[in-house]
Amino acid sequence: MRRALLLITAVAGLDGSALAGADRGVRFDFSADRTGAFVGDVVTWTVSASITGYPDATAYFGGFDGSFVAAFADTGEILSTESLMGNSATTPTFDGATINDVNIFNAAVLGTNDPSNPIAIFRFEMLVTTIPPVGLNATTGYGLVGEASVFPNDGIFAQRDVFTNYEVRTDGVVPTPGAGIIILAGVCSFAGCRRRT
């Protein structure tokens, strides 16, 4: 009876969320294949995730459920998406350059846990359709809204840590109307601080 109770408790932990430790965090990086683009160009973006504060070498990024929000949704149109994780629960939808309904994950119970850190999790192509308004930071970049999960080890009954705030870094791609490419120096940040939940 006691053994059965322990098993039920462990299985219930798969759907629950553990509180992330104070030193634990998640960072997302959006990297583009160029720093400047013209209207009509196709930009390929790769999204990577990295975790910090997990001492076990088998800890792994568990997944993301939410949206990749474009700084200027009207700047582009999504042409294709590709999950680079082992599993995907939904088919993404698009609103201009924003990608909604992203639900990608890895799981030890499915044999898709990967302790790579950082790990590439998603790739997409965006067609540049217009130039951002003059006077604004005319950079096409991304932020995230949603839930990220991390498993502290590769045990099939390990409880996940859930993060709703995280650090996000994005390479800037500057759509340009004329000849020549404007290069953006530095990295734009769309979500500064991370909060552990």
N, C-alpha and C. Protein backbone atom coordinates (compact mmCIF):
# COMPACT_ATOMS: atom_id res chain seq x y z
N MET A 1 0.83 -1.20 0.00
CA MET A 1 0.00 0.00 0.00
C MET A 1 0.87 1.26 0.00
N ARG A 2 1.90 1.28 0.88
CA ARG A 2 2.78 2.44 0.93
C ARG A 2 3.51 2.65 -0.39
N ARG A 3 3.97 1.55 -1.00
CA ARG A 3 4.68 1.64 -2.28
C ARG A 3 3.76 2.21 -3.37
N ALA A 4 2.50 1.77 -3.38
CA ALA A 4 1.54 2.26 -4.36
C ALA A 4 1.29 3.75 -4.16
N LEU A 5 1.20 4.20 -2.91
CA LEU A 5 0.98 5.61 -2.62
C LEU A 5 2.14 6.46 -3.11
N LEU A 6 3.37 5.98 -2.91
CA LEU A 6 4.55 6.71 -3.38
C LEU A 6 4.54 6.83 -4.90
N LEU A 7 4.15 5.79 -5.59
CA LEU A 7 4.10 5.81 -7.05
C LEU A 7 3.04 6.80 -7.54
N ILE A 8 1.86 6.80 -6.89
CA ILE A 8 0.81 7.73 -7.28
C ILE A 8 1.27 9.17 -7.07
N THR A 9 1.94 9.44 -5.95
CA THR A 9 2.45 10.77 -5.68
C THR A 9 3.46 11.20 -6.73
N ALA A 10 4.34 10.29 -7.14
CA ALA A 10 5.35 10.61 -8.14
C ALA A 10 4.72 10.89 -9.49
N VAL A 11 3.72 10.11 -9.89
CA VAL A 11 3.06 10.32 -11.17
C VAL A 11 2.30 11.64 -11.15
N ALA A 12 1.66 11.96 -10.02
CA ALA A 12 0.95 13.23 -9.92
C ALA A 12 1.90 14.41 -10.11
N GLY A 13 3.16 14.24 -9.73
CA GLY A 13 4.15 15.30 -9.89
C GLY A 13 4.44 15.64 -11.33
N LEU A 14 4.11 14.76 -12.26
CA LEU A 14 4.34 15.06 -13.67
C LEU A 14 3.49 16.23 -14.14
N ASP A 15 2.29 16.36 -13.58
CA ASP A 15 1.40 17.43 -13.99
C ASP A 15 1.54 18.68 -13.12
N GLY A 16 2.16 18.54 -11.97
CA GLY A 16 2.34 19.67 -11.08
C GLY A 16 3.58 20.42 -11.45
N SER A 17 3.87 21.45 -10.66
CA SER A 17 5.09 22.20 -10.92
C SER A 17 5.79 22.47 -9.62
N ALA A 18 7.06 22.21 -9.59
CA ALA A 18 7.86 22.49 -8.42
C ALA A 18 8.26 23.96 -8.44
N LEU A 19 8.49 24.51 -7.27
CA LEU A 19 8.97 25.88 -7.21
C LEU A 19 10.44 25.89 -7.60
N ALA A 20 10.78 26.75 -8.53
CA ALA A 20 12.17 26.84 -8.97
C ALA A 20 13.01 27.48 -7.87
N GLY A 21 14.23 26.99 -7.70
CA GLY A 21 15.13 27.54 -6.70
C GLY A 21 15.52 28.98 -7.04
N ALA A 22 15.97 29.70 -6.03
CA ALA A 22 16.29 31.12 -6.20
C ALA A 22 17.39 31.35 -7.22
N ASP A 23 18.27 30.39 -7.41
CA ASP A 23 19.38 30.58 -8.34
C ASP A 23 19.11 29.97 -9.71
N ARG A 24 17.93 29.46 -9.92
CA ARG A 24 17.62 28.80 -11.18
C ARG A 24 16.96 29.75 -12.16
N GLY A 25 17.27 29.58 -13.45
CA GLY A 25 16.69 30.45 -14.44
C GLY A 25 16.73 29.87 -15.84
N VAL A 26 16.01 30.53 -16.74
CA VAL A 26 15.93 30.15 -18.15
C VAL A 26 16.19 31.40 -18.99
N ARG A 27 16.95 31.23 -20.05
CA ARG A 27 17.16 32.31 -21.00
C ARG A 27 16.87 31.80 -22.41
N PHE A 28 16.21 32.64 -23.19
CA PHE A 28 15.93 32.34 -24.59
C PHE A 28 16.74 33.29 -25.47
N ASP A 29 17.30 32.77 -26.54
CA ASP A 29 18.04 33.57 -27.52
C ASP A 29 17.41 33.40 -28.89
N PHE A 30 17.06 34.52 -29.52
CA PHE A 30 16.56 34.53 -30.89
C PHE A 30 17.69 35.01 -31.78
N SER A 31 18.16 34.15 -32.67
CA SER A 31 19.27 34.50 -33.56
C SER A 31 18.80 34.46 -35.01
N ALA A 32 19.09 35.52 -35.73
CA ALA A 32 18.71 35.61 -37.14
C ALA A 32 19.93 35.31 -38.02
N ASP A 33 19.67 34.92 -39.26
CA ASP A 33 20.77 34.59 -40.17
C ASP A 33 21.34 35.83 -40.85
N ARG A 34 20.92 37.04 -40.42
CA ARG A 34 21.44 38.28 -40.98
C ARG A 34 21.17 39.41 -40.00
N THR A 35 21.82 40.54 -40.21
CA THR A 35 21.59 41.70 -39.35
C THR A 35 20.77 42.77 -40.04
N GLY A 36 20.57 42.66 -41.33
CA GLY A 36 19.76 43.62 -42.07
C GLY A 36 19.00 42.90 -43.16
N ALA A 37 17.88 43.47 -43.58
CA ALA A 37 17.08 42.83 -44.61
C ALA A 37 16.27 43.87 -45.36
N PHE A 38 15.96 43.57 -46.60
CA PHE A 38 15.11 44.42 -47.42
C PHE A 38 13.70 43.84 -47.42
N VAL A 39 12.73 44.66 -47.75
CA VAL A 39 11.38 44.15 -47.95
C VAL A 39 11.45 43.09 -49.05
N GLY A 40 10.87 41.94 -48.80
CA GLY A 40 10.91 40.83 -49.75
C GLY A 40 11.93 39.77 -49.38
N ASP A 41 12.87 40.09 -48.46
CA ASP A 41 13.85 39.10 -48.01
C ASP A 41 13.21 38.13 -47.02
N VAL A 42 13.78 36.92 -46.98
CA VAL A 42 13.35 35.92 -46.01
C VAL A 42 14.45 35.78 -44.96
N VAL A 43 14.07 35.97 -43.70
CA VAL A 43 15.01 35.87 -42.58
C VAL A 43 14.73 34.56 -41.84
N THR A 44 15.77 33.78 -41.59
CA THR A 44 15.63 32.54 -40.83
C THR A 44 16.06 32.79 -39.39
N TRP A 45 15.17 32.50 -38.46
CA TRP A 45 15.42 32.67 -37.04
C TRP A 45 15.58 31.31 -36.37
N THR A 46 16.52 31.21 -35.43
CA THR A 46 16.66 30.02 -34.60
C THR A 46 16.51 30.44 -33.14
N VAL A 47 15.67 29.72 -32.41
CA VAL A 47 15.43 30.00 -31.00
C VAL A 47 16.16 28.94 -30.17
N SER A 48 16.95 29.39 -29.20
CA SER A 48 17.66 28.48 -28.30
C SER A 48 17.26 28.78 -26.87
N ALA A 49 17.36 27.78 -26.01
CA ALA A 49 17.08 27.95 -24.58
C ALA A 49 18.29 27.47 -23.80
N SER A 50 18.59 28.16 -22.71
CA SER A 50 19.65 27.72 -21.80
C SER A 50 19.13 27.82 -20.38
N ILE A 51 19.64 26.95 -19.53
CA ILE A 51 19.22 26.91 -18.13
C ILE A 51 20.41 27.16 -17.23
N THR A 52 20.15 27.75 -16.06
CA THR A 52 21.20 27.99 -15.07
C THR A 52 20.72 27.53 -13.70
N GLY A 53 21.68 27.17 -12.86
CA GLY A 53 21.37 26.83 -11.47
C GLY A 53 20.99 25.39 -11.24
N TYR A 54 21.23 24.51 -12.19
CA TYR A 54 20.90 23.09 -12.03
C TYR A 54 22.19 22.28 -11.93
N PRO A 55 22.52 21.77 -10.74
CA PRO A 55 23.80 21.08 -10.56
C PRO A 55 23.87 19.69 -11.20
N ASP A 56 22.73 19.03 -11.39
CA ASP A 56 22.73 17.70 -11.96
C ASP A 56 23.00 17.79 -13.47
N ALA A 57 23.98 17.05 -13.94
CA ALA A 57 24.37 17.09 -15.36
C ALA A 57 23.28 16.57 -16.29
N THR A 58 22.29 15.87 -15.73
CA THR A 58 21.20 15.35 -16.57
C THR A 58 20.00 16.29 -16.62
N ALA A 59 20.07 17.44 -15.93
CA ALA A 59 18.97 18.42 -16.00
C ALA A 59 18.77 18.85 -17.45
N TYR A 60 17.53 19.11 -17.82
CA TYR A 60 17.28 19.47 -19.22
C TYR A 60 16.11 20.44 -19.35
N PHE A 61 16.16 21.22 -20.43
CA PHE A 61 15.07 22.13 -20.76
C PHE A 61 13.88 21.28 -21.19
N GLY A 62 12.75 21.45 -20.51
CA GLY A 62 11.60 20.59 -20.76
C GLY A 62 10.68 21.06 -21.87
N GLY A 63 10.57 22.38 -22.07
CA GLY A 63 9.71 22.82 -23.16
C GLY A 63 9.17 24.22 -22.98
N PHE A 64 8.39 24.64 -23.95
CA PHE A 64 7.77 25.96 -23.93
C PHE A 64 6.36 25.86 -24.48
N ASP A 65 5.44 26.56 -23.82
CA ASP A 65 4.04 26.61 -24.24
C ASP A 65 3.61 28.07 -24.23
N GLY A 66 3.41 28.66 -25.41
CA GLY A 66 3.04 30.07 -25.46
C GLY A 66 3.24 30.66 -26.84
N SER A 67 3.70 31.93 -26.86
CA SER A 67 3.85 32.68 -28.11
C SER A 67 5.23 33.31 -28.24
N PHE A 68 5.74 33.38 -29.46
CA PHE A 68 6.93 34.16 -29.80
C PHE A 68 6.38 35.47 -30.38
N VAL A 69 6.49 36.54 -29.62
CA VAL A 69 5.84 37.81 -29.96
C VAL A 69 6.83 38.74 -30.67
N ALA A 70 6.49 39.11 -31.89
CA ALA A 70 7.33 40.02 -32.67
C ALA A 70 7.21 41.44 -32.13
N ALA A 71 8.33 42.17 -32.12
CA ALA A 71 8.31 43.57 -31.69
C ALA A 71 7.36 44.38 -32.56
N PHE A 72 7.35 44.10 -33.86
CA PHE A 72 6.43 44.73 -34.80
C PHE A 72 5.81 43.62 -35.64
N ALA A 73 4.61 43.18 -35.25
CA ALA A 73 3.98 42.05 -35.93
C ALA A 73 3.74 42.32 -37.41
N ASP A 74 3.52 43.60 -37.78
CA ASP A 74 3.23 43.94 -39.18
C ASP A 74 4.47 43.98 -40.05
N THR A 75 5.64 43.82 -39.46
CA THR A 75 6.89 43.88 -40.22
C THR A 75 7.09 42.66 -41.11
N GLY A 76 6.50 41.54 -40.74
CA GLY A 76 6.75 40.33 -41.51
C GLY A 76 5.61 39.35 -41.50
N GLU A 77 5.84 38.27 -42.22
CA GLU A 77 4.87 37.19 -42.34
C GLU A 77 5.62 35.87 -42.18
N ILE A 78 5.11 35.00 -41.33
CA ILE A 78 5.76 33.71 -41.10
C ILE A 78 5.47 32.78 -42.29
N LEU A 79 6.54 32.21 -42.84
CA LEU A 79 6.40 31.30 -43.98
C LEU A 79 6.42 29.83 -43.55
N SER A 80 7.28 29.50 -42.55
CA SER A 80 7.39 28.12 -42.11
C SER A 80 7.93 28.07 -40.69
N THR A 81 7.60 26.99 -39.98
CA THR A 81 8.12 26.76 -38.64
C THR A 81 8.59 25.32 -38.52
N GLU A 82 9.53 25.10 -37.59
CA GLU A 82 10.05 23.76 -37.36
C GLU A 82 10.43 23.62 -35.89
N SER A 83 9.80 22.65 -35.21
CA SER A 83 10.19 22.35 -33.83
C SER A 83 11.49 21.56 -33.87
N LEU A 84 12.45 21.94 -33.04
CA LEU A 84 13.71 21.21 -32.94
C LEU A 84 13.75 20.35 -31.69
N MET A 85 12.63 20.28 -31.00
CA MET A 85 12.52 19.43 -29.81
C MET A 85 11.88 18.10 -30.21
N GLY A 86 11.88 17.16 -29.29
CA GLY A 86 11.41 15.82 -29.60
C GLY A 86 9.92 15.70 -29.83
N ASN A 87 9.14 16.61 -29.23
CA ASN A 87 7.68 16.47 -29.29
C ASN A 87 7.03 17.83 -29.50
N SER A 88 5.86 17.81 -30.12
CA SER A 88 5.08 19.02 -30.34
C SER A 88 3.62 18.68 -30.16
N ALA A 89 2.91 19.48 -29.32
CA ALA A 89 1.52 19.15 -29.01
C ALA A 89 0.52 19.89 -29.87
N THR A 90 0.93 20.99 -30.48
CA THR A 90 0.00 21.78 -31.28
C THR A 90 0.68 22.25 -32.56
N THR A 91 -0.12 22.72 -33.50
CA THR A 91 0.40 23.34 -34.71
C THR A 91 0.35 24.85 -34.50
N PRO A 92 1.49 25.54 -34.62
CA PRO A 92 1.50 26.98 -34.40
C PRO A 92 0.60 27.73 -35.37
N THR A 93 0.09 28.88 -34.91
CA THR A 93 -0.69 29.79 -35.76
C THR A 93 0.08 31.10 -35.83
N PHE A 94 -0.25 31.94 -36.82
CA PHE A 94 0.53 33.15 -37.05
C PHE A 94 -0.35 34.39 -37.06
N ASP A 95 0.21 35.47 -36.56
CA ASP A 95 -0.41 36.79 -36.63
C ASP A 95 0.67 37.73 -37.11
N GLY A 96 0.79 37.87 -38.43
CA GLY A 96 1.92 38.62 -38.99
C GLY A 96 3.21 37.88 -38.68
N ALA A 97 4.13 38.56 -37.99
CA ALA A 97 5.42 37.96 -37.63
C ALA A 97 5.37 37.26 -36.27
N THR A 98 4.25 37.33 -35.55
CA THR A 98 4.10 36.67 -34.25
C THR A 98 3.66 35.23 -34.45
N ILE A 99 4.22 34.33 -33.63
CA ILE A 99 3.86 32.91 -33.70
C ILE A 99 3.16 32.53 -32.40
N ASN A 100 1.92 32.09 -32.51
CA ASN A 100 1.12 31.67 -31.35
C ASN A 100 0.98 30.16 -31.31
N ASP A 101 0.50 29.66 -30.19
CA ASP A 101 0.19 28.23 -30.01
C ASP A 101 1.42 27.34 -30.17
N VAL A 102 2.58 27.83 -29.72
CA VAL A 102 3.79 27.01 -29.70
C VAL A 102 3.70 26.11 -28.48
N ASN A 103 3.79 24.82 -28.67
CA ASN A 103 3.80 23.87 -27.55
C ASN A 103 4.77 22.75 -27.90
N ILE A 104 6.01 22.94 -27.49
CA ILE A 104 7.09 22.01 -27.83
C ILE A 104 7.73 21.51 -26.54
N PHE A 105 8.16 20.25 -26.53
CA PHE A 105 8.71 19.73 -25.28
C PHE A 105 9.57 18.49 -25.50
N ASN A 106 10.41 18.25 -24.51
CA ASN A 106 11.17 17.01 -24.37
C ASN A 106 10.78 16.39 -23.04
N ALA A 107 10.86 15.07 -22.93
CA ALA A 107 10.47 14.41 -21.68
C ALA A 107 11.21 13.08 -21.54
N ALA A 108 11.73 12.84 -20.35
CA ALA A 108 12.43 11.57 -20.09
C ALA A 108 11.50 10.39 -20.25
N VAL A 109 10.25 10.56 -19.85
CA VAL A 109 9.29 9.45 -19.95
C VAL A 109 9.07 9.04 -21.41
N LEU A 110 9.31 9.96 -22.35
CA LEU A 110 9.18 9.65 -23.78
C LEU A 110 10.54 9.36 -24.43
N GLY A 111 11.60 9.45 -23.64
CA GLY A 111 12.94 9.18 -24.17
C GLY A 111 13.51 10.31 -24.99
N THR A 112 12.95 11.52 -24.86
CA THR A 112 13.43 12.65 -25.66
C THR A 112 14.16 13.70 -24.83
N ASN A 113 14.50 13.37 -23.59
CA ASN A 113 15.26 14.33 -22.77
C ASN A 113 16.64 14.53 -23.38
N ASP A 114 17.07 15.78 -23.42
CA ASP A 114 18.36 16.14 -24.01
C ASP A 114 19.00 17.19 -23.10
N PRO A 115 20.11 16.85 -22.43
CA PRO A 115 20.73 17.78 -21.49
C PRO A 115 21.60 18.86 -22.13
N SER A 116 21.57 18.98 -23.46
CA SER A 116 22.36 20.03 -24.11
C SER A 116 21.98 21.39 -23.53
N ASN A 117 22.98 22.22 -23.30
CA ASN A 117 22.73 23.53 -22.68
C ASN A 117 23.76 24.52 -23.20
N PRO A 118 23.40 25.44 -24.10
CA PRO A 118 22.03 25.70 -24.58
C PRO A 118 21.58 24.64 -25.57
N ILE A 119 20.29 24.68 -25.87
CA ILE A 119 19.70 23.74 -26.82
C ILE A 119 18.84 24.52 -27.81
N ALA A 120 19.01 24.23 -29.11
CA ALA A 120 18.16 24.84 -30.13
C ALA A 120 16.79 24.17 -30.04
N ILE A 121 15.72 24.99 -29.96
CA ILE A 121 14.39 24.44 -29.74
C ILE A 121 13.40 24.70 -30.88
N PHE A 122 13.67 25.72 -31.72
CA PHE A 122 12.68 26.09 -32.73
C PHE A 122 13.36 26.87 -33.85
N ARG A 123 12.84 26.75 -35.06
CA ARG A 123 13.36 27.52 -36.19
C ARG A 123 12.16 27.98 -37.03
N PHE A 124 12.26 29.21 -37.57
CA PHE A 124 11.18 29.68 -38.43
C PHE A 124 11.72 30.67 -39.46
N GLU A 125 10.96 30.79 -40.56
CA GLU A 125 11.30 31.73 -41.63
C GLU A 125 10.27 32.84 -41.66
N MET A 126 10.75 34.08 -41.73
CA MET A 126 9.88 35.24 -41.78
C MET A 126 10.17 36.05 -43.04
N LEU A 127 9.14 36.33 -43.80
CA LEU A 127 9.23 37.20 -44.97
C LEU A 127 9.07 38.64 -44.50
N VAL A 128 10.04 39.51 -44.79
CA VAL A 128 9.95 40.92 -44.43
C VAL A 128 8.97 41.58 -45.39
N THR A 129 7.89 42.17 -44.83
CA THR A 129 6.84 42.74 -45.67
C THR A 129 6.75 44.26 -45.61
N THR A 130 7.28 44.87 -44.56
CA THR A 130 7.19 46.32 -44.43
C THR A 130 8.29 46.83 -43.51
N ILE A 131 8.45 48.14 -43.49
CA ILE A 131 9.46 48.78 -42.65
C ILE A 131 8.76 49.32 -41.40
N PRO A 132 9.34 49.12 -40.20
CA PRO A 132 8.72 49.70 -38.98
C PRO A 132 8.62 51.21 -39.09
N PRO A 133 7.69 51.81 -38.34
CA PRO A 133 7.50 53.26 -38.40
C PRO A 133 8.77 54.04 -38.05
N VAL A 134 8.99 55.15 -38.74
CA VAL A 134 10.14 56.00 -38.48
C VAL A 134 10.00 56.58 -37.08
N GLY A 135 11.11 56.70 -36.37
CA GLY A 135 11.08 57.26 -35.03
C GLY A 135 11.01 56.20 -33.96
N LEU A 136 10.66 54.98 -34.34
CA LEU A 136 10.67 53.88 -33.38
C LEU A 136 11.96 53.11 -33.53
N ASN A 137 12.28 52.31 -32.56
CA ASN A 137 13.46 51.45 -32.66
C ASN A 137 13.15 50.45 -33.77
N ALA A 138 13.60 50.75 -34.97
CA ALA A 138 13.19 50.00 -36.16
C ALA A 138 13.90 48.66 -36.26
N THR A 139 13.65 47.83 -35.27
CA THR A 139 14.30 46.52 -35.23
C THR A 139 13.24 45.43 -35.14
N THR A 140 13.32 44.46 -36.01
CA THR A 140 12.44 43.32 -35.91
C THR A 140 13.10 42.34 -34.95
N GLY A 141 12.47 42.10 -33.84
CA GLY A 141 12.99 41.19 -32.83
C GLY A 141 11.84 40.48 -32.13
N TYR A 142 12.16 39.69 -31.13
CA TYR A 142 11.15 38.85 -30.49
C TYR A 142 11.23 38.86 -28.97
N GLY A 143 10.09 38.65 -28.36
CA GLY A 143 9.94 38.39 -26.94
C GLY A 143 9.07 37.15 -26.80
N LEU A 144 8.83 36.71 -25.58
CA LEU A 144 8.01 35.52 -25.36
C LEU A 144 6.95 35.79 -24.32
N VAL A 145 5.82 35.14 -24.48
CA VAL A 145 4.76 35.11 -23.48
C VAL A 145 4.36 33.66 -23.34
N GLY A 146 4.46 33.12 -22.13
CA GLY A 146 4.08 31.73 -21.94
C GLY A 146 4.84 31.09 -20.81
N GLU A 147 4.90 29.79 -20.84
CA GLU A 147 5.44 29.00 -19.74
C GLU A 147 6.59 28.12 -20.23
N ALA A 148 7.73 28.24 -19.56
CA ALA A 148 8.88 27.37 -19.86
C ALA A 148 9.03 26.37 -18.72
N SER A 149 9.51 25.18 -19.03
CA SER A 149 9.72 24.19 -17.98
C SER A 149 11.11 23.59 -18.07
N VAL A 150 11.64 23.23 -16.92
CA VAL A 150 12.95 22.60 -16.80
C VAL A 150 12.83 21.42 -15.84
N PHE A 151 13.45 20.32 -16.21
CA PHE A 151 13.49 19.16 -15.32
C PHE A 151 14.87 19.10 -14.66
N PRO A 152 14.92 18.98 -13.32
CA PRO A 152 16.20 19.04 -12.60
C PRO A 152 17.09 17.81 -12.81
N ASN A 153 16.53 16.72 -13.35
CA ASN A 153 17.30 15.52 -13.65
C ASN A 153 16.52 14.70 -14.68
N ASP A 154 17.09 13.57 -15.10
CA ASP A 154 16.45 12.77 -16.15
C ASP A 154 15.56 11.66 -15.62
N GLY A 155 15.21 11.72 -14.34
CA GLY A 155 14.30 10.72 -13.79
C GLY A 155 12.92 10.87 -14.40
N ILE A 156 12.25 9.76 -14.71
CA ILE A 156 10.95 9.85 -15.39
C ILE A 156 9.87 10.41 -14.47
N PHE A 157 10.11 10.43 -13.15
CA PHE A 157 9.14 11.00 -12.23
C PHE A 157 9.60 12.34 -11.66
N ALA A 158 10.60 12.94 -12.25
CA ALA A 158 11.10 14.23 -11.76
C ALA A 158 10.03 15.30 -11.95
N GLN A 159 9.85 16.15 -10.94
CA GLN A 159 8.91 17.26 -11.06
C GLN A 159 9.57 18.40 -11.81
N ARG A 160 8.83 19.06 -12.66
CA ARG A 160 9.37 20.15 -13.46
C ARG A 160 9.32 21.47 -12.69
N ASP A 161 10.26 22.33 -12.97
CA ASP A 161 10.23 23.71 -12.52
C ASP A 161 9.59 24.52 -13.63
N VAL A 162 8.70 25.42 -13.27
CA VAL A 162 7.97 26.22 -14.26
C VAL A 162 8.38 27.68 -14.14
N PHE A 163 8.68 28.29 -15.27
CA PHE A 163 9.06 29.70 -15.33
C PHE A 163 8.09 30.44 -16.22
N THR A 164 7.53 31.53 -15.71
CA THR A 164 6.66 32.38 -16.52
C THR A 164 7.35 33.70 -16.88
N ASN A 165 8.46 33.98 -16.26
CA ASN A 165 9.30 35.12 -16.61
C ASN A 165 10.72 34.60 -16.79
N TYR A 166 11.42 35.12 -17.76
CA TYR A 166 12.73 34.61 -18.11
C TYR A 166 13.47 35.69 -18.87
N GLU A 167 14.73 35.48 -19.04
CA GLU A 167 15.53 36.43 -19.81
C GLU A 167 15.38 36.10 -21.30
N VAL A 168 15.25 37.14 -22.12
CA VAL A 168 15.13 36.95 -23.57
C VAL A 168 16.13 37.88 -24.25
N ARG A 169 16.91 37.32 -25.15
CA ARG A 169 17.83 38.11 -25.97
C ARG A 169 17.51 37.86 -27.43
N THR A 170 17.56 38.92 -28.21
CA THR A 170 17.28 38.76 -29.63
C THR A 170 18.29 39.55 -30.45
N ASP A 171 18.79 38.93 -31.51
CA ASP A 171 19.61 39.66 -32.47
C ASP A 171 18.68 40.60 -33.21
N GLY A 172 19.16 41.80 -33.48
CA GLY A 172 18.32 42.76 -34.20
C GLY A 172 18.46 42.60 -35.70
N VAL A 173 17.33 42.53 -36.38
CA VAL A 173 17.31 42.56 -37.85
C VAL A 173 16.63 43.85 -38.24
N VAL A 174 17.33 44.69 -38.99
CA VAL A 174 16.80 45.99 -39.35
C VAL A 174 16.30 45.97 -40.79
N PRO A 175 14.97 46.00 -40.99
CA PRO A 175 14.45 46.09 -42.37
C PRO A 175 14.83 47.46 -42.95
N THR A 176 15.34 47.48 -44.16
CA THR A 176 15.80 48.73 -44.77
C THR A 176 15.12 48.94 -46.12
N PRO A 177 14.70 50.17 -46.40
CA PRO A 177 13.98 50.42 -47.64
C PRO A 177 14.88 50.61 -48.86
N GLY A 178 16.15 51.00 -48.65
CA GLY A 178 17.01 51.31 -49.79
C GLY A 178 18.16 50.35 -49.92
N ALA A 179 19.09 50.70 -50.82
CA ALA A 179 20.26 49.86 -51.04
C ALA A 179 21.15 49.92 -49.81
N GLY A 180 21.86 48.86 -49.57
CA GLY A 180 22.76 48.80 -48.42
C GLY A 180 22.05 48.22 -47.22
N ILE A 181 22.79 47.59 -46.38
CA ILE A 181 22.22 46.95 -45.21
C ILE A 181 22.66 47.71 -43.98
N ILE A 182 21.71 48.05 -43.13
CA ILE A 182 22.03 48.70 -41.87
C ILE A 182 22.32 47.60 -40.86
N ILE A 183 23.45 47.71 -40.20
CA ILE A 183 23.82 46.69 -39.22
C ILE A 183 23.53 47.22 -37.83
N LEU A 184 22.80 46.46 -37.07
CA LEU A 184 22.50 46.84 -35.70
C LEU A 184 23.60 46.34 -34.79
N ALA A 185 24.24 47.26 -34.08
CA ALA A 185 25.31 46.86 -33.16
C ALA A 185 24.68 46.52 -31.82
N GLY A 186 25.06 45.39 -31.30
CA GLY A 186 24.56 45.00 -29.99
C GLY A 186 23.37 44.08 -30.08
N VAL A 187 22.79 43.86 -28.96
CA VAL A 187 21.67 42.94 -28.84
C VAL A 187 20.51 43.67 -28.18
N CYS A 188 19.31 43.48 -28.71
CA CYS A 188 18.13 44.08 -28.11
C CYS A 188 17.59 43.14 -27.04
N SER A 189 17.06 43.69 -25.99
CA SER A 189 16.50 42.87 -24.92
C SER A 189 15.02 43.20 -24.77
N PHE A 190 14.16 42.19 -24.86
CA PHE A 190 12.72 42.42 -24.76
C PHE A 190 12.18 42.06 -23.39
N ALA A 191 12.89 41.25 -22.64
CA ALA A 191 12.45 40.90 -21.28
C ALA A 191 13.68 40.94 -20.41
N GLY A 192 13.78 41.94 -19.58
CA GLY A 192 15.01 42.15 -18.81
C GLY A 192 15.21 41.15 -17.71
N CYS A 193 14.44 41.25 -16.69
CA CYS A 193 14.67 40.43 -15.51
C CYS A 193 13.93 39.12 -15.61
N ARG A 194 14.42 38.15 -14.92
CA ARG A 194 13.72 36.88 -14.88
C ARG A 194 13.19 36.70 -13.47
N ARG A 195 12.06 36.08 -13.38
CA ARG A 195 11.49 35.79 -12.08
C ARG A 195 11.30 34.29 -11.98
N ARG A 196 11.65 33.74 -10.89
CA ARG A 196 11.46 32.30 -10.70
C ARG A 196 10.12 32.10 -10.07
N THR A 197 9.38 31.12 -10.58
CA THR A 197 8.09 30.82 -9.97
C THR A 197 8.11 29.47 -9.35
